[in-house]
N, C-alpha and C. Protein backbone atom coordinates (compact mmCIF):
# COMPACT_ATOMS: atom_id res chain seq x y z
N MET A 1 115.17 135.62 94.86
CA MET A 1 114.97 134.70 94.09
C MET A 1 115.21 135.11 92.32
N THR A 2 116.29 135.17 91.99
CA THR A 2 115.84 135.12 90.33
C THR A 2 115.88 134.19 89.24
N THR A 3 115.53 134.26 88.46
CA THR A 3 115.69 133.19 87.07
C THR A 3 116.49 133.14 85.95
N ASP A 4 116.65 132.44 85.58
CA ASP A 4 117.33 132.87 83.88
C ASP A 4 116.36 132.94 83.00
N SER A 5 116.22 132.73 81.77
CA SER A 5 115.39 133.05 80.90
C SER A 5 114.66 131.51 80.31
N SER A 6 116.06 130.67 80.73
CA SER A 6 114.92 129.52 80.80
C SER A 6 113.68 128.72 81.99
N GLY A 7 114.17 129.50 82.59
CA GLY A 7 113.46 128.72 84.18
C GLY A 7 112.13 129.26 84.70
N LYS A 8 111.15 128.58 85.16
CA LYS A 8 109.87 129.34 85.23
C LYS A 8 109.90 129.39 86.93
N ILE A 9 109.01 129.93 87.63
CA ILE A 9 109.08 129.91 89.31
C ILE A 9 107.88 129.91 89.28
N LEU A 10 107.63 128.94 89.89
CA LEU A 10 106.33 128.77 91.17
C LEU A 10 106.16 128.96 92.56
N VAL A 11 105.40 130.12 92.86
CA VAL A 11 105.06 130.40 94.25
C VAL A 11 104.10 130.12 94.95
N LEU A 12 103.58 129.40 95.87
CA LEU A 12 102.94 128.60 96.55
C LEU A 12 102.60 129.34 97.46
N VAL A 13 101.31 130.00 98.30
CA VAL A 13 101.47 131.04 99.03
C VAL A 13 99.88 130.01 100.06
N ARG A 14 99.99 130.28 101.12
CA ARG A 14 99.17 129.76 102.16
C ARG A 14 98.67 130.94 102.31
N HIS A 15 97.12 131.38 102.52
CA HIS A 15 97.08 132.45 102.83
C HIS A 15 96.74 133.14 104.18
N SER A 16 96.89 134.41 104.44
CA SER A 16 97.30 135.17 105.80
C SER A 16 96.18 134.61 106.82
N LYS A 17 96.25 135.00 107.60
CA LYS A 17 95.87 135.00 109.21
C LYS A 17 94.34 135.14 108.79
N ALA A 18 93.37 134.51 109.57
CA ALA A 18 91.85 134.54 109.27
C ALA A 18 91.53 134.66 110.38
N SER A 19 90.00 135.19 110.33
CA SER A 19 89.64 135.09 111.67
C SER A 19 88.73 133.75 111.50
N HIS A 20 87.65 133.55 112.76
CA HIS A 20 87.05 132.48 112.59
C HIS A 20 85.52 132.73 113.25
N ASN A 21 85.37 133.56 112.53
CA ASN A 21 84.20 134.30 113.04
C ASN A 21 83.68 134.59 111.74
N ALA A 22 83.07 133.24 111.05
CA ALA A 22 82.02 133.44 110.04
C ALA A 22 80.94 132.36 109.91
N PRO A 23 80.14 132.53 108.53
CA PRO A 23 79.07 131.71 109.04
C PRO A 23 79.65 130.27 108.19
N THR A 24 80.34 130.47 107.50
CA THR A 24 81.08 129.45 106.66
C THR A 24 82.53 129.46 106.30
N ASP A 25 83.04 128.09 106.20
CA ASP A 25 84.91 128.13 106.39
C ASP A 25 85.09 129.04 105.11
N LEU A 26 84.31 128.95 103.76
CA LEU A 26 84.44 129.90 102.20
C LEU A 26 84.32 131.15 102.84
N GLU A 27 83.60 131.56 104.25
CA GLU A 27 83.47 133.22 103.99
C GLU A 27 84.96 133.73 105.26
N ARG A 28 85.24 133.25 106.04
CA ARG A 28 86.27 133.11 106.56
C ARG A 28 87.09 134.19 106.04
N PRO A 29 87.16 135.76 106.58
CA PRO A 29 88.13 136.78 106.14
C PRO A 29 89.31 136.68 107.36
N LEU A 30 90.15 137.52 106.37
CA LEU A 30 91.40 138.34 106.98
C LEU A 30 91.07 138.84 108.12
N THR A 31 91.81 138.42 109.70
CA THR A 31 92.03 139.26 110.72
C THR A 31 92.55 140.73 109.97
N SER A 32 92.43 142.07 110.54
CA SER A 32 93.56 143.52 110.77
C SER A 32 95.42 142.37 110.49
N ARG A 33 95.31 141.90 111.41
CA ARG A 33 96.90 141.68 111.66
C ARG A 33 97.08 140.91 110.20
N GLY A 34 96.36 139.72 109.90
CA GLY A 34 95.85 139.45 108.47
C GLY A 34 96.44 140.34 107.75
N ARG A 35 95.26 140.94 107.14
CA ARG A 35 95.82 142.04 105.94
C ARG A 35 96.93 142.96 106.02
N LEU A 36 97.51 142.88 107.47
CA LEU A 36 98.93 143.74 107.62
C LEU A 36 99.71 142.75 107.01
N LEU A 37 100.24 141.38 107.34
CA LEU A 37 100.81 140.38 106.85
C LEU A 37 100.65 140.13 105.53
N ALA A 38 99.56 140.24 105.00
CA ALA A 38 99.56 139.79 103.45
C ALA A 38 100.09 140.89 102.54
N ASP A 39 100.27 142.20 103.04
CA ASP A 39 100.41 143.00 102.24
C ASP A 39 102.56 143.03 102.59
N GLU A 40 102.41 142.61 103.87
CA GLU A 40 104.34 142.45 104.24
C GLU A 40 104.73 141.42 102.86
N LEU A 41 103.91 139.97 103.22
CA LEU A 41 104.85 139.04 101.93
C LEU A 41 104.61 139.50 101.15
N ALA A 42 103.25 139.77 100.33
CA ALA A 42 103.52 140.42 98.85
C ALA A 42 104.59 141.74 98.90
N HIS A 43 104.84 142.44 99.90
CA HIS A 43 106.10 143.46 99.57
C HIS A 43 107.67 142.04 99.34
N ALA A 44 107.61 141.04 100.34
CA ALA A 44 108.75 140.41 99.95
C ALA A 44 108.61 139.60 98.69
N LEU A 45 107.98 139.56 98.26
CA LEU A 45 107.61 138.99 97.38
C LEU A 45 107.85 139.29 96.03
N GLU A 46 107.71 140.55 95.64
CA GLU A 46 107.48 141.48 94.77
C GLU A 46 109.23 141.46 94.32
N ARG A 47 110.22 141.40 95.51
CA ARG A 47 111.56 142.14 95.35
C ARG A 47 111.90 140.38 94.64
N ARG A 48 111.60 139.76 95.09
CA ARG A 48 112.09 138.35 94.56
C ARG A 48 111.62 138.05 93.31
N VAL A 49 110.37 138.28 92.63
CA VAL A 49 109.79 137.71 91.39
C VAL A 49 109.85 138.85 90.57
N PRO A 50 110.43 138.81 89.30
CA PRO A 50 110.70 139.52 89.04
C PRO A 50 109.32 139.96 88.04
N SER A 51 108.31 139.11 87.86
CA SER A 51 107.20 139.77 87.19
C SER A 51 106.47 138.43 87.85
N LEU A 52 105.24 138.78 87.19
CA LEU A 52 104.01 137.37 87.43
C LEU A 52 102.86 137.41 86.17
N ASP A 53 102.68 136.19 85.52
CA ASP A 53 101.86 136.24 84.64
C ASP A 53 100.54 135.79 84.75
N LEU A 54 100.64 134.89 86.27
CA LEU A 54 99.48 134.16 85.95
C LEU A 54 99.61 134.47 88.11
N LEU A 55 98.29 134.68 88.65
CA LEU A 55 98.13 134.64 89.74
C LEU A 55 96.52 133.86 90.03
N LEU A 56 96.73 132.24 90.66
CA LEU A 56 95.56 131.62 91.09
C LEU A 56 95.13 131.93 92.51
N VAL A 57 94.06 132.12 92.34
CA VAL A 57 93.62 131.70 94.08
C VAL A 57 92.31 131.31 94.47
N SER A 58 92.43 130.83 95.68
CA SER A 58 91.12 130.24 95.92
C SER A 58 89.98 130.93 95.95
N PRO A 59 89.08 130.40 95.95
CA PRO A 59 87.88 131.48 96.17
C PRO A 59 87.08 131.32 97.48
N ALA A 60 88.20 131.48 98.30
CA ALA A 60 87.80 131.24 100.12
C ALA A 60 88.15 132.62 99.93
N ALA A 61 87.34 133.75 101.35
CA ALA A 61 87.29 134.67 101.27
C ALA A 61 89.02 135.55 101.70
N ARG A 62 89.25 134.85 102.41
CA ARG A 62 90.71 134.38 103.07
C ARG A 62 92.21 134.42 102.10
N ALA A 63 91.43 133.53 100.80
CA ALA A 63 92.95 133.37 99.79
C ALA A 63 92.82 134.86 99.05
N ARG A 64 91.10 134.96 98.98
CA ARG A 64 90.92 136.28 98.04
C ARG A 64 91.74 137.63 98.68
N GLN A 65 91.59 138.05 100.22
CA GLN A 65 92.07 139.22 100.34
C GLN A 65 93.83 138.64 100.66
N THR A 66 94.11 137.87 100.42
CA THR A 66 95.38 137.85 101.10
C THR A 66 96.14 137.92 98.98
N ALA A 67 95.63 137.67 98.11
CA ALA A 67 95.79 137.79 97.20
C ALA A 67 95.94 139.48 96.95
N GLY A 68 94.98 139.91 97.48
CA GLY A 68 94.85 141.75 96.69
C GLY A 68 95.96 142.46 96.63
N PRO A 69 96.99 141.88 98.23
CA PRO A 69 98.30 142.94 97.93
C PRO A 69 99.27 142.23 96.58
N MET A 70 98.89 141.03 96.31
CA MET A 70 100.02 140.74 95.81
C MET A 70 99.71 140.97 94.47
N ARG A 71 98.11 141.25 94.16
CA ARG A 71 97.87 141.95 92.95
C ARG A 71 98.11 143.09 92.34
N GLU A 72 98.16 143.93 93.87
CA GLU A 72 98.58 145.53 93.34
C GLU A 72 99.90 146.01 93.34
N ARG A 73 100.87 144.82 93.75
CA ARG A 73 102.15 145.19 94.05
C ARG A 73 102.61 144.37 92.80
N MET A 74 102.23 143.56 92.36
CA MET A 74 102.65 142.41 91.37
C MET A 74 102.24 142.44 89.83
N SER A 75 101.40 143.14 89.68
CA SER A 75 100.43 143.46 88.77
C SER A 75 100.37 142.20 87.23
N PRO A 76 100.16 141.42 88.00
CA PRO A 76 99.69 140.07 86.69
C PRO A 76 99.24 140.05 85.99
N ALA A 77 99.55 139.32 84.57
CA ALA A 77 99.22 139.93 83.30
C ALA A 77 97.61 139.04 83.38
N LEU A 78 97.45 138.29 84.13
CA LEU A 78 96.07 137.41 84.30
C LEU A 78 95.80 136.72 85.70
N THR A 79 94.62 137.11 86.06
CA THR A 79 94.26 136.63 87.40
C THR A 79 93.24 135.77 87.31
N ARG A 80 93.26 134.20 88.46
CA ARG A 80 91.88 133.73 88.22
C ARG A 80 91.38 132.89 89.44
N VAL A 81 90.21 132.72 90.21
CA VAL A 81 89.87 132.29 91.27
C VAL A 81 89.60 130.70 90.55
N GLU A 82 90.12 129.81 91.14
CA GLU A 82 89.57 128.55 90.56
C GLU A 82 89.60 127.60 92.30
N PRO A 83 87.86 127.53 92.10
CA PRO A 83 88.19 126.75 93.31
C PRO A 83 87.85 125.33 93.21
N GLU A 84 89.26 124.26 92.53
CA GLU A 84 90.01 123.30 92.73
C GLU A 84 91.42 123.53 93.81
N ILE A 85 91.58 124.69 93.50
CA ILE A 85 92.46 125.02 95.04
C ILE A 85 92.23 124.45 96.28
N TYR A 86 90.85 125.03 96.48
CA TYR A 86 90.28 124.76 97.65
C TYR A 86 88.94 123.27 97.99
N HIS A 87 88.82 122.75 96.58
CA HIS A 87 88.17 122.01 97.52
C HIS A 87 89.21 120.07 96.54
N GLU A 88 89.83 120.49 96.07
CA GLU A 88 90.79 119.50 94.93
C GLU A 88 92.28 119.01 95.55
N GLY A 89 92.91 119.52 96.64
CA GLY A 89 93.84 119.46 97.19
C GLY A 89 94.88 119.92 96.44
N PRO A 90 96.61 118.99 96.54
CA PRO A 90 97.39 119.17 95.48
C PRO A 90 97.81 118.78 94.32
N GLY A 91 96.55 117.98 94.24
CA GLY A 91 96.47 116.94 93.03
C GLY A 91 95.17 118.13 92.28
N GLY A 92 94.29 118.73 92.57
CA GLY A 92 93.80 120.16 91.69
C GLY A 92 94.36 121.06 91.69
N ILE A 93 95.91 121.47 92.07
CA ILE A 93 96.51 122.76 91.56
C ILE A 93 97.71 122.19 90.36
N LEU A 94 97.82 121.03 90.26
CA LEU A 94 98.76 120.44 89.65
C LEU A 94 97.96 120.45 88.02
N ARG A 95 96.41 119.72 88.52
CA ARG A 95 95.72 120.12 87.32
C ARG A 95 95.51 121.48 86.52
N LEU A 96 95.70 122.44 87.49
CA LEU A 96 95.40 123.68 86.99
C LEU A 96 97.22 124.12 86.12
N LEU A 97 98.08 123.37 86.76
CA LEU A 97 99.26 123.92 86.71
C LEU A 97 99.50 123.71 84.84
N GLN A 98 99.38 122.18 84.82
CA GLN A 98 99.83 121.34 83.86
C GLN A 98 99.80 121.63 82.36
N PRO A 99 98.03 122.19 82.12
CA PRO A 99 98.31 122.68 81.00
C PRO A 99 98.35 124.19 80.28
N LEU A 100 99.02 125.16 81.27
CA LEU A 100 99.67 126.40 81.19
C LEU A 100 100.68 126.09 79.95
N PRO A 101 100.39 127.42 78.72
CA PRO A 101 101.47 127.41 78.19
C PRO A 101 102.82 127.86 78.36
N GLU A 102 103.75 126.82 77.85
CA GLU A 102 105.28 127.42 78.39
C GLU A 102 105.63 129.13 77.88
N THR A 103 104.63 129.77 78.02
CA THR A 103 105.08 131.42 77.60
C THR A 103 104.33 131.68 79.31
N THR A 104 104.24 131.04 80.11
CA THR A 104 103.50 131.45 81.20
C THR A 104 104.99 130.97 81.82
N ARG A 105 105.44 131.95 82.32
CA ARG A 105 106.85 131.96 83.55
C ARG A 105 106.85 132.05 84.98
N HIS A 106 106.04 133.21 84.98
CA HIS A 106 105.74 132.60 86.87
C HIS A 106 104.29 132.92 86.90
N VAL A 107 103.90 131.67 87.31
CA VAL A 107 102.97 131.69 88.93
C VAL A 107 103.02 132.24 89.96
N LEU A 108 101.86 132.42 90.79
CA LEU A 108 101.63 132.39 91.96
C LEU A 108 100.36 131.70 92.53
N VAL A 109 100.33 130.89 93.17
CA VAL A 109 99.04 130.48 93.71
C VAL A 109 98.78 130.75 95.19
N VAL A 110 97.44 131.16 95.95
CA VAL A 110 96.90 131.34 97.00
C VAL A 110 96.18 130.43 97.60
N GLY A 111 96.50 129.47 98.14
CA GLY A 111 95.89 128.39 99.08
C GLY A 111 95.61 128.02 100.39
N HIS A 112 96.12 127.11 100.83
CA HIS A 112 95.44 127.06 101.92
C HIS A 112 96.53 125.55 102.34
N GLU A 113 96.90 125.08 104.10
CA GLU A 113 96.92 124.35 104.17
C GLU A 113 96.17 123.01 104.60
N PRO A 114 96.62 121.89 104.58
CA PRO A 114 98.08 121.31 104.05
C PRO A 114 98.10 120.97 102.52
N THR A 115 97.22 121.81 101.67
CA THR A 115 97.73 121.55 100.51
C THR A 115 99.24 122.06 100.01
N VAL A 116 98.89 123.48 100.30
CA VAL A 116 100.58 123.75 99.90
C VAL A 116 101.82 123.11 100.16
N SER A 117 101.62 122.92 101.37
CA SER A 117 103.20 122.72 101.55
C SER A 117 103.46 120.87 101.30
N VAL A 118 101.99 119.89 100.89
CA VAL A 118 101.94 118.81 100.90
C VAL A 118 102.56 119.01 99.09
N LEU A 119 101.79 119.94 98.10
CA LEU A 119 102.62 119.88 97.08
C LEU A 119 103.90 120.29 96.38
N ALA A 120 104.57 121.09 97.92
CA ALA A 120 105.73 121.83 97.61
C ALA A 120 106.58 120.30 97.80
N HIS A 121 106.41 120.01 98.88
CA HIS A 121 107.60 119.07 99.51
C HIS A 121 107.07 117.25 98.19
N MET A 122 106.34 117.47 97.68
CA MET A 122 105.71 116.57 96.79
C MET A 122 106.85 117.04 95.52
N LEU A 123 106.79 117.93 95.19
CA LEU A 123 107.37 119.07 93.89
C LEU A 123 109.11 118.57 94.10
N HIS A 124 109.38 119.04 95.04
CA HIS A 124 111.05 119.32 95.46
C HIS A 124 111.69 118.46 94.84
N ASP A 125 112.81 118.36 94.14
CA ASP A 125 113.78 117.67 94.26
C ASP A 125 114.68 116.88 94.67
N THR A 126 114.37 117.54 95.75
CA THR A 126 115.85 116.34 96.92
C THR A 126 115.19 116.92 98.32
N VAL A 127 116.01 115.96 99.01
CA VAL A 127 115.73 115.90 100.59
C VAL A 127 117.10 116.86 101.02
N ASP A 128 116.61 117.83 101.64
CA ASP A 128 117.10 118.83 102.23
C ASP A 128 116.86 119.43 103.51
N ASP A 129 117.11 120.76 103.92
CA ASP A 129 116.15 121.00 105.43
C ASP A 129 115.20 121.85 104.88
N LEU A 130 115.03 122.76 103.83
CA LEU A 130 113.52 123.26 103.33
C LEU A 130 112.69 121.74 103.20
N ALA A 131 112.91 120.95 102.56
CA ALA A 131 112.03 119.67 102.31
C ALA A 131 111.41 119.13 104.04
N ASN A 132 112.15 119.52 104.97
CA ASN A 132 111.84 119.12 106.05
C ASN A 132 111.33 120.07 106.78
N GLN A 133 111.15 121.41 106.43
CA GLN A 133 110.95 122.37 107.46
C GLN A 133 109.37 122.30 106.48
N VAL A 134 108.94 122.18 105.26
CA VAL A 134 107.63 122.47 104.47
C VAL A 134 106.87 121.07 104.76
N SER A 135 107.52 119.66 105.27
CA SER A 135 107.11 118.41 105.58
C SER A 135 106.32 118.79 106.86
N PHE A 136 106.75 119.67 108.04
CA PHE A 136 105.82 119.91 108.81
C PHE A 136 104.52 121.13 108.61
N GLY A 137 104.72 121.70 107.40
CA GLY A 137 103.34 122.46 107.30
C GLY A 137 104.15 123.40 107.49
N ILE A 138 103.30 124.56 106.90
CA ILE A 138 103.71 126.11 107.20
C ILE A 138 102.64 126.83 108.10
N PRO A 139 103.12 128.14 108.01
CA PRO A 139 102.22 129.27 109.14
C PRO A 139 101.68 129.82 108.19
N THR A 140 100.63 130.60 108.24
CA THR A 140 99.94 131.58 107.24
C THR A 140 101.05 132.58 106.97
N ALA A 141 100.64 132.88 105.75
CA ALA A 141 101.50 134.40 105.39
C ALA A 141 102.53 133.59 105.15
N THR A 142 102.29 132.46 104.21
CA THR A 142 103.99 132.45 104.00
C THR A 142 104.17 131.60 102.16
N ALA A 143 104.97 131.62 101.60
CA ALA A 143 104.96 131.69 100.26
C ALA A 143 106.66 130.65 100.24
N LEU A 144 106.11 129.70 99.80
CA LEU A 144 107.01 128.28 99.10
C LEU A 144 107.25 129.23 97.60
N LEU A 145 108.82 129.00 97.27
CA LEU A 145 109.26 129.40 95.85
C LEU A 145 109.84 128.37 95.24
N LEU A 146 109.46 128.18 94.06
CA LEU A 146 110.22 126.56 93.80
C LEU A 146 110.79 127.43 91.99
N GLN A 147 111.99 126.33 91.99
CA GLN A 147 112.22 126.72 90.48
C GLN A 147 111.98 125.37 89.78
N VAL A 148 111.18 126.00 88.36
CA VAL A 148 110.79 124.59 87.88
C VAL A 148 111.35 125.25 86.32
N PRO A 149 111.95 123.62 86.45
CA PRO A 149 113.10 123.44 84.95
C PRO A 149 112.23 122.89 84.22
N VAL A 150 111.46 122.05 84.27
CA VAL A 150 110.83 121.47 83.54
C VAL A 150 109.51 122.00 82.62
N ASN A 151 108.72 121.24 81.53
CA ASN A 151 107.72 122.04 81.33
C ASN A 151 105.99 121.95 81.80
N TRP A 152 105.57 122.90 81.97
CA TRP A 152 104.26 122.43 82.83
C TRP A 152 103.58 121.19 82.73
N ALA A 153 103.47 120.78 81.68
CA ALA A 153 102.93 119.35 81.44
C ALA A 153 103.47 118.72 82.29
N GLY A 154 104.68 118.53 82.21
CA GLY A 154 105.81 117.60 83.03
C GLY A 154 106.06 118.02 84.66
N LEU A 155 105.35 119.09 84.73
CA LEU A 155 105.51 119.04 86.24
C LEU A 155 104.74 118.07 87.14
N GLY A 156 105.45 117.08 88.10
CA GLY A 156 104.85 116.15 88.84
C GLY A 156 105.83 115.93 90.34
N PRO A 157 106.13 114.92 90.73
CA PRO A 157 107.17 114.35 91.78
C PRO A 157 108.59 114.53 91.03
N GLN A 158 109.04 115.88 92.50
CA GLN A 158 110.52 115.71 92.69
C GLN A 158 110.84 116.12 91.05
N THR A 159 109.95 116.97 90.36
CA THR A 159 110.76 117.99 88.98
C THR A 159 110.29 119.32 89.51
N ALA A 160 111.03 119.56 90.14
CA ALA A 160 110.68 121.42 90.95
C ALA A 160 111.86 121.35 91.80
N HIS A 161 112.39 122.88 92.39
CA HIS A 161 113.05 122.74 93.27
C HIS A 161 113.04 123.84 94.39
N LEU A 162 112.81 123.33 95.21
CA LEU A 162 112.01 124.62 96.75
C LEU A 162 113.59 125.35 96.83
N ASN A 163 113.46 126.75 96.84
CA ASN A 163 114.48 127.43 96.82
C ASN A 163 114.36 128.54 98.20
N GLU A 164 113.35 128.26 98.20
CA GLU A 164 113.10 129.45 99.80
C GLU A 164 111.99 129.74 100.17
N ILE A 165 111.79 129.56 101.63
CA ILE A 165 110.38 130.06 102.18
C ILE A 165 110.78 131.41 103.03
N VAL A 166 109.25 131.97 102.73
CA VAL A 166 109.17 133.69 102.89
C VAL A 166 108.16 133.27 103.56
N THR A 167 108.37 133.79 104.83
CA THR A 167 107.06 134.37 105.98
C THR A 167 106.45 135.60 106.05
N ALA A 168 105.63 136.21 105.89
CA ALA A 168 105.75 137.80 106.46
C ALA A 168 106.41 137.72 108.00
N PRO A 169 107.26 138.96 108.31
CA PRO A 169 107.47 138.75 109.46
C PRO A 169 106.70 139.39 110.77
N ARG A 170 106.55 138.60 111.84
CA ARG A 170 105.96 138.29 112.88
C ARG A 170 105.57 139.80 113.57
C-alpha cells in the first residue's frame, strides 16, 4: 500500500498468537510461534507503510510484545501504550484517533478482537469482499490497512477505505 501526499494510513493490528498460561488476561504473553509471526507481520508492514508517525498499543502483554518488532522495523516517531485500546472497544480507539493533529499521517494500532475488525468494518466506506472478510473477524497476527481521506477529527462510520488485509504467513 502506498499513499499520496494528502492521504493518511491507519493500520489496525490484531496481536499475535498468545499463550493462555498467565494469571490474568492482561498478562498473557506471546507464544514462541506468536513472536515469530509478529516479526513476519512487521516485516510485511514495513514494505507497505512508508513511515510511521504514531504507534498506539494496548497495555496487554501480548499486544506490547506484538508491537515490539513493529517499533524496531518501522521506527515510529512516537509510541504510546493506551488502556482504552484494551478496555473501551472501537469507540475508545476512535477517541484516541480523532484528536490527532493533521501532521500525523501514518498510525498503527495494536489491539484485540473483536475490536479491530469491528472498527475496520465500521470505518470502511463500501460493501465489498474485504468488508465481508472483516465482518467475520480476523486471525491473530493480522493487519488491516485503511486509507483515511478525512481529517482525524472527522473519522467515523464509512469515512475510510479498507485497502488490504495482511496476515503473517502461517
